[in-house]
Amino acid sequence: MPDTVYDFSATANNGETVSLADYRDKVLLIVNTASQCGFTPQYAGLEKLYEDLQDKGFAVLGFPCNQFGGQEPGSDTDIKSFCETSFGTTFPLFSKVAVNGKSAHPLFKFLKAEAPGIAGTKAIKWNFTKFLIDRNGNVVKRFGSKDAPDSIRGEIEALL
């Protein structure tokens, strides 16, 4: 049974396997993203947080997902190109994953169990759900799609 996010690995956007233990001692914001969503402009806010706080030990980890309205139909290459071109993203992007259902990535199964949503629901409701992780790899809080990146900055900074 995993204890922290450091117990997981994921496939980076470039196809390489990345151990989340590589992010040990950092505060993380893990986000399921999509390129064709009403919340897609949040990429800009996520990048701003990353640029402003990475030197203090913070990282955003983006996990594209096509489970909500088919809003992430592109390939990993298409997604990376879109994010860099449209929003200037430099934070780590991972390969497209499922976040709900039987095929959900084990990391997201863990995140949902550690930080259930409203009324204890484990399912992720939509794109740009955010999970805040402390420097010890513990899930601190879940934020919904409507929580803009700048609105949670104070909670991130409190962990830095």
N, C-alpha and C. Protein backbone atom coordinates (compact mmCIF):
# COMPACT_ATOMS: atom_id res chain seq x y z
N MET A 1 0.84 -1.20 0.00
CA MET A 1 0.00 0.00 0.00
C MET A 1 0.88 1.25 0.00
N PRO A 2 0.71 2.13 -0.98
CA PRO A 2 1.53 3.33 -1.04
C PRO A 2 1.22 4.28 0.13
N ASP A 3 2.26 4.96 0.59
CA ASP A 3 2.12 5.91 1.68
C ASP A 3 2.13 7.36 1.22
N THR A 4 2.89 7.65 0.16
CA THR A 4 3.02 9.02 -0.34
C THR A 4 3.03 9.01 -1.87
N VAL A 5 2.99 10.19 -2.46
CA VAL A 5 3.06 10.27 -3.92
C VAL A 5 4.41 9.79 -4.43
N TYR A 6 5.42 9.76 -3.54
CA TYR A 6 6.75 9.31 -3.96
C TYR A 6 6.79 7.82 -4.29
N ASP A 7 5.75 7.10 -3.93
CA ASP A 7 5.69 5.67 -4.22
C ASP A 7 5.23 5.37 -5.65
N PHE A 8 5.00 6.41 -6.45
CA PHE A 8 4.47 6.23 -7.79
C PHE A 8 5.46 6.68 -8.86
N SER A 9 5.27 6.12 -10.04
CA SER A 9 5.98 6.56 -11.24
C SER A 9 4.93 6.89 -12.28
N ALA A 10 5.33 7.69 -13.24
CA ALA A 10 4.43 8.03 -14.34
C ALA A 10 5.27 8.24 -15.59
N THR A 11 4.62 8.17 -16.73
CA THR A 11 5.31 8.37 -18.00
C THR A 11 5.29 9.85 -18.35
N ALA A 12 6.46 10.41 -18.52
CA ALA A 12 6.57 11.82 -18.92
C ALA A 12 6.06 11.99 -20.35
N ASN A 13 5.80 13.23 -20.71
CA ASN A 13 5.31 13.55 -22.04
C ASN A 13 6.26 13.06 -23.14
N ASN A 14 7.54 12.94 -22.82
CA ASN A 14 8.52 12.48 -23.80
C ASN A 14 8.68 10.96 -23.83
N GLY A 15 7.85 10.26 -23.04
CA GLY A 15 7.88 8.80 -23.04
C GLY A 15 8.76 8.16 -21.98
N GLU A 16 9.54 8.97 -21.26
CA GLU A 16 10.41 8.43 -20.22
C GLU A 16 9.63 8.19 -18.93
N THR A 17 9.99 7.14 -18.22
CA THR A 17 9.37 6.87 -16.92
C THR A 17 10.02 7.76 -15.87
N VAL A 18 9.18 8.43 -15.09
CA VAL A 18 9.66 9.34 -14.06
C VAL A 18 9.14 8.85 -12.71
N SER A 19 10.05 8.70 -11.76
CA SER A 19 9.65 8.39 -10.39
C SER A 19 9.27 9.70 -9.71
N LEU A 20 8.11 9.72 -9.06
CA LEU A 20 7.72 10.95 -8.37
C LEU A 20 8.64 11.20 -7.17
N ALA A 21 9.43 10.20 -6.79
CA ALA A 21 10.44 10.40 -5.75
C ALA A 21 11.47 11.44 -6.20
N ASP A 22 11.56 11.68 -7.51
CA ASP A 22 12.44 12.72 -8.03
C ASP A 22 12.03 14.10 -7.53
N TYR A 23 10.79 14.21 -7.06
CA TYR A 23 10.25 15.49 -6.56
C TYR A 23 10.24 15.56 -5.03
N ARG A 24 10.96 14.63 -4.41
CA ARG A 24 11.02 14.61 -2.95
C ARG A 24 11.46 15.99 -2.43
N ASP A 25 10.87 16.39 -1.32
CA ASP A 25 11.17 17.68 -0.66
C ASP A 25 10.64 18.89 -1.42
N LYS A 26 9.79 18.68 -2.40
CA LYS A 26 9.14 19.80 -3.09
C LYS A 26 7.65 19.81 -2.75
N VAL A 27 7.07 20.99 -2.77
CA VAL A 27 5.62 21.12 -2.70
C VAL A 27 5.13 20.96 -4.14
N LEU A 28 4.12 20.13 -4.32
CA LEU A 28 3.63 19.83 -5.67
C LEU A 28 2.17 20.22 -5.83
N LEU A 29 1.81 20.61 -7.04
CA LEU A 29 0.42 20.76 -7.43
C LEU A 29 0.23 19.83 -8.62
N ILE A 30 -0.51 18.75 -8.41
CA ILE A 30 -0.75 17.76 -9.45
C ILE A 30 -2.13 18.05 -10.04
N VAL A 31 -2.18 18.23 -11.36
CA VAL A 31 -3.39 18.71 -12.03
C VAL A 31 -3.71 17.83 -13.24
N ASN A 32 -5.00 17.45 -13.36
CA ASN A 32 -5.42 16.80 -14.61
C ASN A 32 -5.86 17.90 -15.57
N THR A 33 -5.26 17.92 -16.74
CA THR A 33 -5.42 19.04 -17.66
C THR A 33 -6.10 18.60 -18.96
N ALA A 34 -6.51 19.60 -19.74
CA ALA A 34 -7.08 19.36 -21.07
C ALA A 34 -6.91 20.62 -21.91
N SER A 35 -6.72 20.43 -23.20
CA SER A 35 -6.42 21.53 -24.11
C SER A 35 -7.64 22.21 -24.71
N GLN A 36 -8.81 21.58 -24.63
CA GLN A 36 -10.00 22.14 -25.28
C GLN A 36 -11.14 22.32 -24.29
N CYS A 37 -10.81 22.81 -23.09
CA CYS A 37 -11.76 22.94 -22.00
C CYS A 37 -11.96 24.42 -21.68
N GLY A 38 -13.09 24.75 -21.11
CA GLY A 38 -13.33 26.12 -20.66
C GLY A 38 -12.32 26.58 -19.62
N PHE A 39 -11.72 25.62 -18.92
CA PHE A 39 -10.73 25.95 -17.89
C PHE A 39 -9.29 25.92 -18.42
N THR A 40 -9.11 25.64 -19.72
CA THR A 40 -7.78 25.56 -20.31
C THR A 40 -6.93 26.81 -20.05
N PRO A 41 -7.53 28.02 -20.02
CA PRO A 41 -6.71 29.20 -19.71
C PRO A 41 -6.00 29.12 -18.35
N GLN A 42 -6.39 28.17 -17.49
CA GLN A 42 -5.68 28.00 -16.23
C GLN A 42 -4.23 27.58 -16.45
N TYR A 43 -3.89 27.07 -17.62
CA TYR A 43 -2.49 26.76 -17.91
C TYR A 43 -1.62 27.99 -17.63
N ALA A 44 -2.10 29.18 -17.99
CA ALA A 44 -1.32 30.40 -17.78
C ALA A 44 -1.09 30.64 -16.29
N GLY A 45 -2.11 30.45 -15.48
CA GLY A 45 -1.97 30.64 -14.04
C GLY A 45 -1.08 29.59 -13.40
N LEU A 46 -1.17 28.36 -13.88
CA LEU A 46 -0.31 27.29 -13.37
C LEU A 46 1.15 27.60 -13.70
N GLU A 47 1.40 28.07 -14.92
CA GLU A 47 2.75 28.42 -15.31
C GLU A 47 3.28 29.58 -14.48
N LYS A 48 2.44 30.57 -14.19
CA LYS A 48 2.85 31.71 -13.35
C LYS A 48 3.26 31.23 -11.96
N LEU A 49 2.45 30.36 -11.36
CA LEU A 49 2.81 29.80 -10.05
C LEU A 49 4.16 29.09 -10.13
N TYR A 50 4.31 28.27 -11.16
CA TYR A 50 5.55 27.50 -11.33
C TYR A 50 6.75 28.44 -11.47
N GLU A 51 6.62 29.44 -12.33
CA GLU A 51 7.73 30.37 -12.55
C GLU A 51 8.07 31.12 -11.26
N ASP A 52 7.05 31.57 -10.54
CA ASP A 52 7.27 32.38 -9.35
C ASP A 52 7.82 31.58 -8.17
N LEU A 53 7.43 30.32 -8.06
CA LEU A 53 7.70 29.57 -6.83
C LEU A 53 8.67 28.39 -6.99
N GLN A 54 9.08 28.06 -8.20
CA GLN A 54 9.93 26.88 -8.37
C GLN A 54 11.26 27.01 -7.63
N ASP A 55 11.78 28.21 -7.51
CA ASP A 55 13.06 28.39 -6.81
C ASP A 55 12.92 28.17 -5.30
N LYS A 56 11.68 28.15 -4.81
CA LYS A 56 11.43 27.91 -3.39
C LYS A 56 11.10 26.44 -3.13
N GLY A 57 11.14 25.62 -4.19
CA GLY A 57 10.88 24.19 -4.02
C GLY A 57 9.47 23.79 -4.37
N PHE A 58 8.92 24.37 -5.43
CA PHE A 58 7.55 24.08 -5.87
C PHE A 58 7.56 23.59 -7.31
N ALA A 59 6.66 22.65 -7.62
CA ALA A 59 6.51 22.20 -9.00
C ALA A 59 5.04 21.92 -9.30
N VAL A 60 4.64 22.22 -10.51
CA VAL A 60 3.34 21.83 -11.04
C VAL A 60 3.60 20.60 -11.91
N LEU A 61 2.77 19.58 -11.76
CA LEU A 61 2.85 18.39 -12.60
C LEU A 61 1.53 18.27 -13.34
N GLY A 62 1.57 18.40 -14.66
CA GLY A 62 0.36 18.34 -15.47
C GLY A 62 0.15 16.95 -16.06
N PHE A 63 -1.08 16.45 -15.87
CA PHE A 63 -1.45 15.13 -16.39
C PHE A 63 -2.65 15.28 -17.33
N PRO A 64 -2.41 15.38 -18.63
CA PRO A 64 -3.52 15.49 -19.57
C PRO A 64 -4.46 14.29 -19.47
N CYS A 65 -5.75 14.56 -19.65
CA CYS A 65 -6.78 13.52 -19.53
C CYS A 65 -7.88 13.80 -20.54
N ASN A 66 -8.34 12.77 -21.21
CA ASN A 66 -9.38 12.91 -22.23
C ASN A 66 -10.72 12.35 -21.76
N GLN A 67 -10.91 12.20 -20.46
CA GLN A 67 -12.13 11.56 -19.94
C GLN A 67 -13.31 12.51 -19.76
N PHE A 68 -13.10 13.79 -19.94
CA PHE A 68 -14.17 14.75 -19.69
C PHE A 68 -14.53 15.48 -20.98
N GLY A 69 -15.57 15.03 -21.63
CA GLY A 69 -16.04 15.65 -22.86
C GLY A 69 -15.08 15.51 -24.02
N GLY A 70 -14.14 14.55 -23.96
CA GLY A 70 -13.19 14.37 -25.07
C GLY A 70 -12.38 15.62 -25.34
N GLN A 71 -12.06 16.37 -24.28
CA GLN A 71 -11.42 17.68 -24.45
C GLN A 71 -9.90 17.63 -24.51
N GLU A 72 -9.33 16.44 -24.57
CA GLU A 72 -7.88 16.29 -24.74
C GLU A 72 -7.62 15.18 -25.76
N PRO A 73 -8.04 15.41 -27.04
CA PRO A 73 -7.95 14.34 -28.04
C PRO A 73 -6.56 14.15 -28.65
N GLY A 74 -5.67 15.12 -28.49
CA GLY A 74 -4.39 15.08 -29.18
C GLY A 74 -3.40 14.07 -28.63
N SER A 75 -2.32 13.89 -29.39
CA SER A 75 -1.22 13.04 -28.96
C SER A 75 -0.40 13.78 -27.91
N ASP A 76 0.50 13.08 -27.25
CA ASP A 76 1.38 13.73 -26.27
C ASP A 76 2.18 14.86 -26.93
N THR A 77 2.64 14.64 -28.14
CA THR A 77 3.39 15.67 -28.87
C THR A 77 2.51 16.88 -29.15
N ASP A 78 1.26 16.64 -29.59
CA ASP A 78 0.32 17.74 -29.85
C ASP A 78 0.06 18.55 -28.58
N ILE A 79 -0.13 17.85 -27.47
CA ILE A 79 -0.45 18.49 -26.20
C ILE A 79 0.70 19.38 -25.75
N LYS A 80 1.92 18.84 -25.80
CA LYS A 80 3.10 19.62 -25.39
C LYS A 80 3.25 20.86 -26.26
N SER A 81 3.11 20.70 -27.58
CA SER A 81 3.24 21.81 -28.50
C SER A 81 2.18 22.87 -28.21
N PHE A 82 0.93 22.45 -28.00
CA PHE A 82 -0.16 23.38 -27.70
C PHE A 82 0.14 24.17 -26.43
N CYS A 83 0.55 23.48 -25.39
CA CYS A 83 0.80 24.13 -24.10
C CYS A 83 1.94 25.13 -24.18
N GLU A 84 3.02 24.75 -24.86
CA GLU A 84 4.16 25.63 -24.98
C GLU A 84 3.85 26.83 -25.86
N THR A 85 3.16 26.60 -26.98
CA THR A 85 2.84 27.66 -27.92
C THR A 85 1.78 28.61 -27.38
N SER A 86 0.73 28.06 -26.79
CA SER A 86 -0.40 28.88 -26.35
C SER A 86 -0.20 29.53 -24.99
N PHE A 87 0.54 28.85 -24.10
CA PHE A 87 0.65 29.34 -22.73
C PHE A 87 2.08 29.44 -22.21
N GLY A 88 3.06 29.10 -23.04
CA GLY A 88 4.45 29.20 -22.63
C GLY A 88 4.82 28.29 -21.46
N THR A 89 4.13 27.14 -21.37
CA THR A 89 4.37 26.27 -20.22
C THR A 89 5.77 25.68 -20.24
N THR A 90 6.34 25.61 -19.04
CA THR A 90 7.65 24.98 -18.86
C THR A 90 7.59 23.93 -17.75
N PHE A 91 6.46 23.85 -17.03
CA PHE A 91 6.36 22.85 -15.97
C PHE A 91 6.21 21.45 -16.58
N PRO A 92 6.55 20.42 -15.81
CA PRO A 92 6.52 19.06 -16.34
C PRO A 92 5.12 18.60 -16.77
N LEU A 93 5.05 18.07 -17.97
CA LEU A 93 3.83 17.46 -18.48
C LEU A 93 4.06 15.96 -18.61
N PHE A 94 3.04 15.22 -18.30
CA PHE A 94 3.12 13.77 -18.38
C PHE A 94 2.28 13.27 -19.54
N SER A 95 2.40 12.00 -19.83
CA SER A 95 1.62 11.35 -20.85
C SER A 95 0.16 11.34 -20.44
N LYS A 96 -0.72 11.32 -21.42
CA LYS A 96 -2.15 11.32 -21.15
C LYS A 96 -2.54 10.13 -20.28
N VAL A 97 -3.39 10.37 -19.28
CA VAL A 97 -3.81 9.33 -18.35
C VAL A 97 -5.33 9.35 -18.18
N ALA A 98 -5.85 8.26 -17.63
CA ALA A 98 -7.22 8.22 -17.13
C ALA A 98 -7.15 8.55 -15.65
N VAL A 99 -8.11 9.32 -15.15
CA VAL A 99 -8.12 9.67 -13.73
C VAL A 99 -9.28 9.02 -12.99
N ASN A 100 -10.25 8.53 -13.73
CA ASN A 100 -11.41 7.85 -13.14
C ASN A 100 -11.58 6.47 -13.78
N GLY A 101 -12.33 5.62 -13.09
CA GLY A 101 -12.65 4.31 -13.64
C GLY A 101 -11.58 3.27 -13.39
N LYS A 102 -11.82 2.09 -13.93
CA LYS A 102 -10.91 0.96 -13.71
C LYS A 102 -9.52 1.20 -14.28
N SER A 103 -9.44 1.98 -15.35
CA SER A 103 -8.14 2.23 -15.98
C SER A 103 -7.44 3.47 -15.42
N ALA A 104 -7.96 4.04 -14.34
CA ALA A 104 -7.34 5.23 -13.76
C ALA A 104 -5.89 4.94 -13.36
N HIS A 105 -5.04 5.92 -13.59
CA HIS A 105 -3.63 5.78 -13.20
C HIS A 105 -3.56 5.59 -11.69
N PRO A 106 -2.71 4.69 -11.21
CA PRO A 106 -2.61 4.44 -9.77
C PRO A 106 -2.37 5.70 -8.94
N LEU A 107 -1.62 6.67 -9.48
CA LEU A 107 -1.40 7.91 -8.75
C LEU A 107 -2.73 8.61 -8.46
N PHE A 108 -3.60 8.65 -9.46
CA PHE A 108 -4.88 9.35 -9.27
C PHE A 108 -5.82 8.57 -8.37
N LYS A 109 -5.73 7.25 -8.38
CA LYS A 109 -6.50 6.46 -7.42
C LYS A 109 -6.08 6.84 -6.00
N PHE A 110 -4.77 6.97 -5.79
CA PHE A 110 -4.23 7.35 -4.50
C PHE A 110 -4.66 8.77 -4.11
N LEU A 111 -4.50 9.72 -5.02
CA LEU A 111 -4.86 11.11 -4.74
C LEU A 111 -6.31 11.23 -4.34
N LYS A 112 -7.19 10.56 -5.06
CA LYS A 112 -8.63 10.64 -4.78
C LYS A 112 -8.97 10.02 -3.44
N ALA A 113 -8.28 8.94 -3.08
CA ALA A 113 -8.53 8.29 -1.79
C ALA A 113 -8.04 9.16 -0.64
N GLU A 114 -6.92 9.84 -0.84
CA GLU A 114 -6.33 10.67 0.20
C GLU A 114 -7.07 12.00 0.38
N ALA A 115 -7.66 12.52 -0.69
CA ALA A 115 -8.36 13.81 -0.63
C ALA A 115 -9.66 13.70 -1.40
N PRO A 116 -10.68 13.08 -0.78
CA PRO A 116 -11.97 12.96 -1.46
C PRO A 116 -12.57 14.34 -1.74
N GLY A 117 -13.46 14.35 -2.70
CA GLY A 117 -14.14 15.59 -3.06
C GLY A 117 -15.32 15.87 -2.14
N ILE A 118 -16.17 16.75 -2.59
CA ILE A 118 -17.36 17.14 -1.83
C ILE A 118 -18.20 15.91 -1.53
N ALA A 119 -18.69 15.83 -0.32
CA ALA A 119 -19.53 14.72 0.15
C ALA A 119 -18.79 13.38 0.09
N GLY A 120 -17.45 13.44 0.13
CA GLY A 120 -16.67 12.21 0.17
C GLY A 120 -16.51 11.49 -1.14
N THR A 121 -16.95 12.11 -2.23
CA THR A 121 -16.84 11.45 -3.53
C THR A 121 -15.36 11.26 -3.90
N LYS A 122 -15.07 10.12 -4.47
CA LYS A 122 -13.69 9.85 -4.89
C LYS A 122 -13.45 10.29 -6.34
N ALA A 123 -14.50 10.32 -7.13
CA ALA A 123 -14.35 10.64 -8.55
C ALA A 123 -13.88 12.08 -8.75
N ILE A 124 -13.12 12.28 -9.80
CA ILE A 124 -12.76 13.62 -10.24
C ILE A 124 -13.88 14.06 -11.16
N LYS A 125 -14.40 15.26 -10.92
CA LYS A 125 -15.57 15.73 -11.67
C LYS A 125 -15.24 16.31 -13.03
N TRP A 126 -14.07 16.94 -13.18
CA TRP A 126 -13.78 17.61 -14.44
C TRP A 126 -12.29 17.90 -14.55
N ASN A 127 -11.91 18.45 -15.69
CA ASN A 127 -10.53 18.86 -15.94
C ASN A 127 -10.09 19.93 -14.93
N PHE A 128 -8.81 20.00 -14.72
CA PHE A 128 -8.17 21.01 -13.86
C PHE A 128 -8.56 20.87 -12.39
N THR A 129 -8.78 19.62 -11.96
CA THR A 129 -8.83 19.34 -10.53
C THR A 129 -7.38 19.32 -10.07
N LYS A 130 -7.13 19.93 -8.92
CA LYS A 130 -5.76 20.11 -8.44
C LYS A 130 -5.58 19.46 -7.08
N PHE A 131 -4.45 18.78 -6.91
CA PHE A 131 -4.11 18.17 -5.63
C PHE A 131 -2.82 18.80 -5.12
N LEU A 132 -2.88 19.35 -3.91
CA LEU A 132 -1.73 19.99 -3.29
C LEU A 132 -1.01 18.98 -2.41
N ILE A 133 0.29 18.84 -2.63
CA ILE A 133 1.12 17.85 -1.95
C ILE A 133 2.21 18.57 -1.15
N ASP A 134 2.40 18.16 0.10
CA ASP A 134 3.44 18.81 0.92
C ASP A 134 4.82 18.24 0.62
N ARG A 135 5.84 18.77 1.27
CA ARG A 135 7.23 18.38 1.01
C ARG A 135 7.53 16.93 1.41
N ASN A 136 6.62 16.31 2.16
CA ASN A 136 6.80 14.92 2.56
C ASN A 136 6.03 13.95 1.66
N GLY A 137 5.41 14.47 0.61
CA GLY A 137 4.68 13.62 -0.33
C GLY A 137 3.25 13.30 0.10
N ASN A 138 2.75 14.02 1.12
CA ASN A 138 1.39 13.80 1.60
C ASN A 138 0.40 14.70 0.87
N VAL A 139 -0.78 14.16 0.57
CA VAL A 139 -1.82 14.93 -0.06
C VAL A 139 -2.45 15.83 1.00
N VAL A 140 -2.40 17.13 0.77
CA VAL A 140 -2.90 18.10 1.73
C VAL A 140 -4.35 18.49 1.43
N LYS A 141 -4.65 18.73 0.14
CA LYS A 141 -5.97 19.24 -0.20
C LYS A 141 -6.26 19.03 -1.68
N ARG A 142 -7.56 18.92 -1.97
CA ARG A 142 -8.04 18.86 -3.35
C ARG A 142 -8.74 20.18 -3.66
N PHE A 143 -8.48 20.71 -4.85
CA PHE A 143 -9.15 21.91 -5.32
C PHE A 143 -9.90 21.57 -6.60
N GLY A 144 -11.06 22.13 -6.78
CA GLY A 144 -11.87 21.86 -7.96
C GLY A 144 -11.45 22.68 -9.16
N SER A 145 -12.10 22.41 -10.27
CA SER A 145 -11.81 23.10 -11.54
C SER A 145 -11.97 24.60 -11.43
N LYS A 146 -12.95 25.04 -10.66
CA LYS A 146 -13.24 26.47 -10.57
C LYS A 146 -12.25 27.23 -9.70
N ASP A 147 -11.41 26.51 -8.96
CA ASP A 147 -10.38 27.16 -8.14
C ASP A 147 -9.22 27.56 -9.04
N ALA A 148 -9.17 28.85 -9.36
CA ALA A 148 -8.11 29.35 -10.23
C ALA A 148 -6.76 29.24 -9.52
N PRO A 149 -5.70 28.99 -10.28
CA PRO A 149 -4.39 28.84 -9.66
C PRO A 149 -4.01 29.98 -8.72
N ASP A 150 -4.28 31.24 -9.11
CA ASP A 150 -3.89 32.35 -8.25
C ASP A 150 -4.68 32.38 -6.94
N SER A 151 -5.86 31.77 -6.94
CA SER A 151 -6.69 31.77 -5.71
C SER A 151 -6.16 30.80 -4.65
N ILE A 152 -5.28 29.88 -5.04
CA ILE A 152 -4.74 28.91 -4.08
C ILE A 152 -3.27 29.17 -3.76
N ARG A 153 -2.76 30.26 -4.29
CA ARG A 153 -1.34 30.60 -4.10
C ARG A 153 -0.96 30.66 -2.62
N GLY A 154 -1.79 31.27 -1.80
CA GLY A 154 -1.48 31.39 -0.37
C GLY A 154 -1.33 30.05 0.31
N GLU A 155 -2.17 29.10 -0.07
CA GLU A 155 -2.08 27.76 0.54
C GLU A 155 -0.81 27.04 0.09
N ILE A 156 -0.39 27.30 -1.15
CA ILE A 156 0.86 26.72 -1.64
C ILE A 156 2.03 27.34 -0.88
N GLU A 157 2.04 28.67 -0.80
CA GLU A 157 3.15 29.37 -0.15
C GLU A 157 3.27 28.98 1.33
N ALA A 158 2.15 28.68 1.97
CA ALA A 158 2.19 28.28 3.38
C ALA A 158 2.97 26.98 3.58
N LEU A 159 3.07 26.17 2.55
CA LEU A 159 3.79 24.89 2.63
C LEU A 159 5.27 25.01 2.23
N LEU A 160 5.61 26.14 1.63
CA LEU A 160 7.00 26.31 1.12
C LEU A 160 7.98 26.71 2.21
